[in-house]
């Protein structure tokens, strides 16, 4: 698999992806907190790692979209 791929999106399409990723980010953060409360550190780490990867991707997308604030 290549290290990078090139996508051509309209700003509206990219904004839809950002919205979906922000919802996923919230879900992973909530799941990590729930796993911590339930005493499951491995799941908490897994969900936290996923949230961090989504946050990094969102940061990249926000740089490409005018008028988008970073999360």
N, C-alpha and C. Protein backbone atom coordinates (compact mmCIF):
# COMPACT_ATOMS: atom_id res chain seq x y z
N UNK A 1 0.85 -1.17 0.00
CA UNK A 1 0.00 0.00 0.00
C UNK A 1 0.90 1.24 0.00
N UNK A 2 0.53 2.26 -0.76
CA UNK A 2 1.36 3.46 -0.80
C UNK A 2 1.35 4.20 0.54
N UNK A 3 2.40 4.98 0.78
CA UNK A 3 2.49 5.76 2.02
C UNK A 3 1.48 6.90 2.04
N UNK A 4 1.12 7.39 0.88
CA UNK A 4 0.16 8.49 0.77
C UNK A 4 -0.78 8.23 -0.39
N UNK A 5 -1.98 8.79 -0.28
CA UNK A 5 -2.92 8.75 -1.39
C UNK A 5 -3.37 10.18 -1.65
N UNK A 6 -3.79 10.42 -2.85
CA UNK A 6 -4.27 11.74 -3.22
C UNK A 6 -5.76 11.66 -3.47
N UNK A 7 -6.50 12.54 -2.83
CA UNK A 7 -7.95 12.62 -3.00
C UNK A 7 -8.32 14.00 -3.50
N UNK A 8 -9.29 14.03 -4.36
CA UNK A 8 -9.84 15.31 -4.79
C UNK A 8 -11.25 15.40 -4.25
N UNK A 9 -11.47 16.38 -3.40
CA UNK A 9 -12.76 16.59 -2.76
C UNK A 9 -13.18 18.03 -2.89
N UNK A 10 -14.48 18.25 -2.93
CA UNK A 10 -14.96 19.62 -2.83
C UNK A 10 -14.85 20.03 -1.36
N UNK A 11 -14.84 21.32 -1.09
CA UNK A 11 -14.83 21.75 0.31
C UNK A 11 -16.01 21.19 1.11
N UNK A 12 -17.18 21.07 0.47
CA UNK A 12 -18.34 20.50 1.16
C UNK A 12 -18.11 19.03 1.51
N UNK A 13 -17.52 18.28 0.60
CA UNK A 13 -17.24 16.87 0.87
C UNK A 13 -16.23 16.73 2.01
N UNK A 14 -15.21 17.56 1.99
CA UNK A 14 -14.21 17.53 3.05
C UNK A 14 -14.83 17.92 4.40
N UNK A 15 -15.74 18.89 4.37
CA UNK A 15 -16.41 19.29 5.61
C UNK A 15 -17.26 18.16 6.16
N UNK A 16 -17.88 17.38 5.29
CA UNK A 16 -18.66 16.22 5.74
C UNK A 16 -17.75 15.19 6.41
N UNK A 17 -16.59 14.98 5.85
CA UNK A 17 -15.63 14.05 6.45
C UNK A 17 -15.18 14.57 7.81
N UNK A 18 -14.91 15.86 7.90
CA UNK A 18 -14.52 16.46 9.18
C UNK A 18 -15.62 16.26 10.21
N UNK A 19 -16.86 16.52 9.83
CA UNK A 19 -17.98 16.34 10.77
C UNK A 19 -18.06 14.89 11.26
N UNK A 20 -17.91 13.95 10.35
CA UNK A 20 -17.97 12.53 10.72
C UNK A 20 -16.82 12.15 11.65
N UNK A 21 -15.64 12.65 11.34
CA UNK A 21 -14.49 12.35 12.19
C UNK A 21 -14.63 12.97 13.58
N UNK A 22 -15.20 14.16 13.65
CA UNK A 22 -15.42 14.79 14.95
C UNK A 22 -16.40 13.98 15.79
N UNK A 23 -17.43 13.43 15.16
CA UNK A 23 -18.37 12.56 15.88
C UNK A 23 -17.66 11.29 16.35
N UNK A 24 -16.83 10.72 15.48
CA UNK A 24 -16.06 9.53 15.88
C UNK A 24 -15.13 9.85 17.03
N UNK A 25 -14.48 11.00 16.96
CA UNK A 25 -13.57 11.41 18.02
C UNK A 25 -14.30 11.48 19.36
N UNK A 26 -15.46 12.09 19.37
CA UNK A 26 -16.26 12.16 20.60
C UNK A 26 -16.59 10.76 21.11
N UNK A 27 -16.97 9.87 20.21
CA UNK A 27 -17.31 8.51 20.59
C UNK A 27 -16.13 7.76 21.20
N UNK A 28 -14.97 7.89 20.59
CA UNK A 28 -13.78 7.22 21.13
C UNK A 28 -13.38 7.80 22.48
N UNK A 29 -13.49 9.10 22.63
CA UNK A 29 -13.17 9.71 23.93
C UNK A 29 -14.12 9.21 25.01
N UNK A 30 -15.41 9.15 24.69
CA UNK A 30 -16.39 8.65 25.65
C UNK A 30 -16.13 7.17 25.97
N UNK A 31 -15.79 6.39 24.97
CA UNK A 31 -15.50 4.97 25.20
C UNK A 31 -14.26 4.79 26.07
N UNK A 32 -13.27 5.63 25.87
CA UNK A 32 -12.05 5.56 26.70
C UNK A 32 -12.39 5.88 28.15
N UNK A 33 -13.19 6.90 28.37
CA UNK A 33 -13.59 7.25 29.74
C UNK A 33 -14.39 6.12 30.38
N UNK A 34 -15.30 5.52 29.63
CA UNK A 34 -16.09 4.42 30.15
C UNK A 34 -15.20 3.23 30.50
N UNK A 35 -14.24 2.93 29.64
CA UNK A 35 -13.32 1.83 29.90
C UNK A 35 -12.50 2.10 31.16
N UNK A 36 -12.09 3.35 31.37
CA UNK A 36 -11.35 3.70 32.59
C UNK A 36 -12.23 3.48 33.82
N UNK A 37 -13.47 3.95 33.74
CA UNK A 37 -14.39 3.78 34.87
C UNK A 37 -14.66 2.30 35.17
N UNK A 38 -14.68 1.48 34.11
CA UNK A 38 -14.93 0.05 34.27
C UNK A 38 -13.68 -0.73 34.65
N UNK A 39 -12.55 -0.03 34.77
CA UNK A 39 -11.31 -0.69 35.17
C UNK A 39 -10.68 -1.53 34.06
N UNK A 40 -10.85 -1.10 32.83
CA UNK A 40 -10.29 -1.82 31.70
C UNK A 40 -9.23 -0.95 31.01
N UNK A 41 -8.02 -0.97 31.54
CA UNK A 41 -6.98 -0.07 31.00
C UNK A 41 -6.59 -0.37 29.56
N UNK A 42 -6.65 -1.63 29.13
CA UNK A 42 -6.26 -1.95 27.75
C UNK A 42 -7.24 -1.34 26.76
N UNK A 43 -8.55 -1.46 27.03
CA UNK A 43 -9.53 -0.83 26.15
C UNK A 43 -9.40 0.69 26.20
N UNK A 44 -9.15 1.23 27.39
CA UNK A 44 -8.98 2.68 27.51
C UNK A 44 -7.82 3.15 26.64
N UNK A 45 -6.72 2.40 26.65
CA UNK A 45 -5.57 2.77 25.82
C UNK A 45 -5.91 2.66 24.33
N UNK A 46 -6.60 1.60 23.95
CA UNK A 46 -6.98 1.41 22.55
C UNK A 46 -7.84 2.56 22.06
N UNK A 47 -8.86 2.92 22.85
CA UNK A 47 -9.75 4.00 22.46
C UNK A 47 -9.03 5.36 22.47
N UNK A 48 -8.15 5.56 23.43
CA UNK A 48 -7.39 6.81 23.49
C UNK A 48 -6.46 6.94 22.28
N UNK A 49 -5.80 5.84 21.93
CA UNK A 49 -4.92 5.85 20.75
C UNK A 49 -5.70 6.17 19.49
N UNK A 50 -6.88 5.57 19.34
CA UNK A 50 -7.71 5.85 18.17
C UNK A 50 -8.12 7.32 18.14
N UNK A 51 -8.49 7.85 19.30
CA UNK A 51 -8.88 9.26 19.37
C UNK A 51 -7.72 10.17 18.98
N UNK A 52 -6.53 9.84 19.41
CA UNK A 52 -5.36 10.65 19.07
C UNK A 52 -5.07 10.61 17.56
N UNK A 53 -5.25 9.46 16.94
CA UNK A 53 -5.04 9.36 15.50
C UNK A 53 -6.08 10.17 14.73
N UNK A 54 -7.32 10.12 15.19
CA UNK A 54 -8.38 10.91 14.56
C UNK A 54 -8.09 12.40 14.74
N UNK A 55 -7.67 12.77 15.94
CA UNK A 55 -7.35 14.18 16.21
C UNK A 55 -6.24 14.68 15.28
N UNK A 56 -5.23 13.86 15.05
CA UNK A 56 -4.14 14.24 14.15
C UNK A 56 -4.64 14.41 12.72
N UNK A 57 -5.50 13.49 12.28
CA UNK A 57 -6.06 13.60 10.93
C UNK A 57 -6.93 14.85 10.81
N UNK A 58 -7.73 15.12 11.84
CA UNK A 58 -8.56 16.32 11.82
C UNK A 58 -7.71 17.58 11.73
N UNK A 59 -6.61 17.59 12.44
CA UNK A 59 -5.71 18.74 12.39
C UNK A 59 -5.21 18.98 10.97
N UNK A 60 -4.85 17.91 10.28
CA UNK A 60 -4.40 18.02 8.90
C UNK A 60 -5.52 18.55 8.01
N UNK A 61 -6.72 18.01 8.18
CA UNK A 61 -7.85 18.46 7.36
C UNK A 61 -8.21 19.91 7.64
N UNK A 62 -8.15 20.31 8.90
CA UNK A 62 -8.48 21.70 9.25
C UNK A 62 -7.50 22.68 8.59
N UNK A 63 -6.27 22.28 8.44
CA UNK A 63 -5.28 23.14 7.77
C UNK A 63 -5.64 23.34 6.30
N UNK A 64 -6.30 22.36 5.71
CA UNK A 64 -6.64 22.43 4.29
C UNK A 64 -7.94 23.16 4.00
N UNK A 65 -8.78 23.30 5.03
CA UNK A 65 -10.10 23.88 4.83
C UNK A 65 -10.18 25.29 5.41
N UNK A 66 -10.46 26.26 4.59
CA UNK A 66 -10.59 27.62 5.11
C UNK A 66 -11.82 27.73 6.02
N UNK A 67 -11.66 28.44 7.11
CA UNK A 67 -12.76 28.68 8.02
C UNK A 67 -13.06 27.53 8.96
N UNK A 68 -12.24 26.49 8.98
CA UNK A 68 -12.44 25.36 9.89
C UNK A 68 -11.53 25.53 11.09
N UNK A 69 -12.13 25.52 12.26
CA UNK A 69 -11.34 25.60 13.50
C UNK A 69 -10.92 24.21 13.92
N UNK A 70 -9.73 24.08 14.44
CA UNK A 70 -9.24 22.79 14.93
C UNK A 70 -10.01 22.41 16.19
N UNK A 71 -10.17 21.09 16.39
CA UNK A 71 -10.90 20.62 17.58
C UNK A 71 -10.14 20.86 18.85
